[in-house]
Amino acid sequence: MDLTITTNASPERYTIGVTGEVDISNASKLRDAIDLALEQPTEAIQLDFEHVAYIDSTGVGVLVGAAHHAAERDRGFSVVNAQPGVMRVAQLLGVDAEISITAL
């Protein structure tokens, strides 16, 4: 499934809306969107995963790396509206302790 990315920027929060499945075939597209967000003058980056039903370990790696890069820049980083399958993968891999991720 294709990955669709939308953005909504404000001084307080840069929101990245993600639709589709995040896997090895398209994780770089998500990484590029997050990298662009990190270059913006905003306090926090928020990924909206309401429409993401699946994420693989490559996608999770992108999230962890992004959280670390945001912290290095003193920016907030969070994933909101995660569907049950995405939450399960995050919890199984233990990344829910490293990044702020909340369920739908």
Protein backbone atom coordinates (compact mmCIF):
# COMPACT_ATOMS: atom_id res chain seq x y z
CA MET A 1 0.00 0.00 0.00
CA ASP A 2 1.20 3.49 -0.81
CA LEU A 3 2.21 5.87 1.93
CA THR A 4 0.60 9.30 1.89
CA ILE A 5 2.01 12.16 3.95
CA THR A 6 0.28 15.45 4.74
CA THR A 7 1.62 18.28 6.87
CA ASN A 8 0.22 21.11 8.94
CA ALA A 9 2.71 23.52 10.46
CA SER A 10 2.38 26.08 13.23
CA PRO A 11 4.99 27.67 15.54
CA GLU A 12 3.92 25.30 18.31
CA ARG A 13 3.57 22.03 16.40
CA TYR A 14 4.42 20.54 13.03
CA THR A 15 1.92 17.76 12.41
CA ILE A 16 2.62 14.99 9.92
CA GLY A 17 -0.45 12.99 8.94
CA VAL A 18 0.43 9.50 7.72
CA THR A 19 -1.87 7.21 5.73
CA GLY A 20 -1.01 3.68 4.63
CA GLU A 21 1.43 1.05 5.80
CA VAL A 22 4.93 1.99 6.93
CA ASP A 23 7.45 -0.64 5.87
CA ILE A 24 10.89 -1.07 4.34
CA SER A 25 9.59 -0.09 0.89
CA ASN A 26 8.52 3.41 1.96
CA ALA A 27 10.10 4.19 5.35
CA SER A 28 12.50 6.62 3.67
CA LYS A 29 9.51 8.76 2.61
CA LEU A 30 8.47 9.07 6.25
CA ARG A 31 12.07 9.77 7.30
CA ASP A 32 12.31 12.56 4.70
CA ALA A 33 9.09 14.16 5.96
CA ILE A 34 10.35 14.06 9.55
CA ASP A 35 13.74 15.47 8.54
CA LEU A 36 11.97 18.36 6.81
CA ALA A 37 9.88 18.96 9.95
CA LEU A 38 13.04 19.04 12.07
CA GLU A 39 14.34 21.90 9.91
CA GLN A 40 11.26 24.03 10.63
CA PRO A 41 11.03 26.59 13.45
CA THR A 42 8.53 24.71 15.59
CA GLU A 43 8.50 23.47 19.17
CA ALA A 44 7.27 19.93 18.54
CA ILE A 45 6.72 17.34 15.84
CA GLN A 46 3.64 15.19 16.01
CA LEU A 47 2.92 12.21 13.78
CA ASP A 48 -0.75 11.35 13.39
CA PHE A 49 -1.00 7.60 12.78
CA GLU A 50 -4.81 7.37 12.77
CA HIS A 51 -4.71 5.91 9.26
CA VAL A 52 -1.68 3.62 9.70
CA ALA A 53 -2.71 0.01 10.23
CA TYR A 54 0.76 -1.54 9.95
CA ILE A 55 4.37 -0.66 10.70
CA ASP A 56 7.41 -2.92 10.43
CA SER A 57 10.72 -2.77 12.28
CA THR A 58 12.19 -0.43 9.65
CA GLY A 59 9.39 2.04 10.26
CA VAL A 60 9.81 1.74 14.01
CA GLY A 61 13.51 2.45 13.54
CA VAL A 62 12.60 5.66 11.72
CA LEU A 63 10.44 6.72 14.66
CA VAL A 64 13.14 6.00 17.23
CA GLY A 65 15.78 7.83 15.19
CA ALA A 66 13.45 10.79 14.73
CA ALA A 67 12.73 10.95 18.46
CA HIS A 68 16.47 11.06 19.18
CA HIS A 69 17.08 13.75 16.54
CA ALA A 70 14.21 15.83 17.92
CA ALA A 71 15.63 15.53 21.45
CA GLU A 72 19.04 16.67 20.19
CA ARG A 73 17.32 19.81 18.87
CA ASP A 74 15.27 20.31 22.06
CA ARG A 75 12.05 19.57 20.19
CA GLY A 76 9.12 17.50 21.32
CA PHE A 77 8.30 14.35 19.34
CA SER A 78 5.19 12.23 19.57
CA VAL A 79 3.07 9.72 17.71
CA VAL A 80 -0.67 10.05 18.30
CA ASN A 81 -3.75 8.04 17.34
CA ALA A 82 -1.80 4.81 16.86
CA GLN A 83 -4.01 1.90 15.86
CA PRO A 84 -3.88 -1.30 17.95
CA GLY A 85 -1.54 -3.14 15.56
CA VAL A 86 0.95 -0.28 15.57
CA MET A 87 0.80 0.01 19.37
CA ARG A 88 1.39 -3.72 19.68
CA VAL A 89 4.53 -3.60 17.53
CA ALA A 90 5.83 -0.59 19.48
CA GLN A 91 5.20 -2.36 22.78
CA LEU A 92 6.72 -5.66 21.62
CA LEU A 93 9.87 -3.86 20.50
CA GLY A 94 9.96 -1.77 23.67
CA VAL A 95 9.96 1.56 21.85
CA ASP A 96 6.87 2.78 23.66
CA ALA A 97 9.30 3.49 26.53
CA GLU A 98 11.59 5.53 24.23
CA ILE A 99 9.07 7.62 22.32
CA SER A 100 5.78 9.23 23.20
CA ILE A 101 3.17 7.08 21.46
CA THR A 102 -0.51 7.11 22.29
CA ALA A 103 -3.34 4.94 21.04
CA LEU A 104 -6.31 5.90 18.93
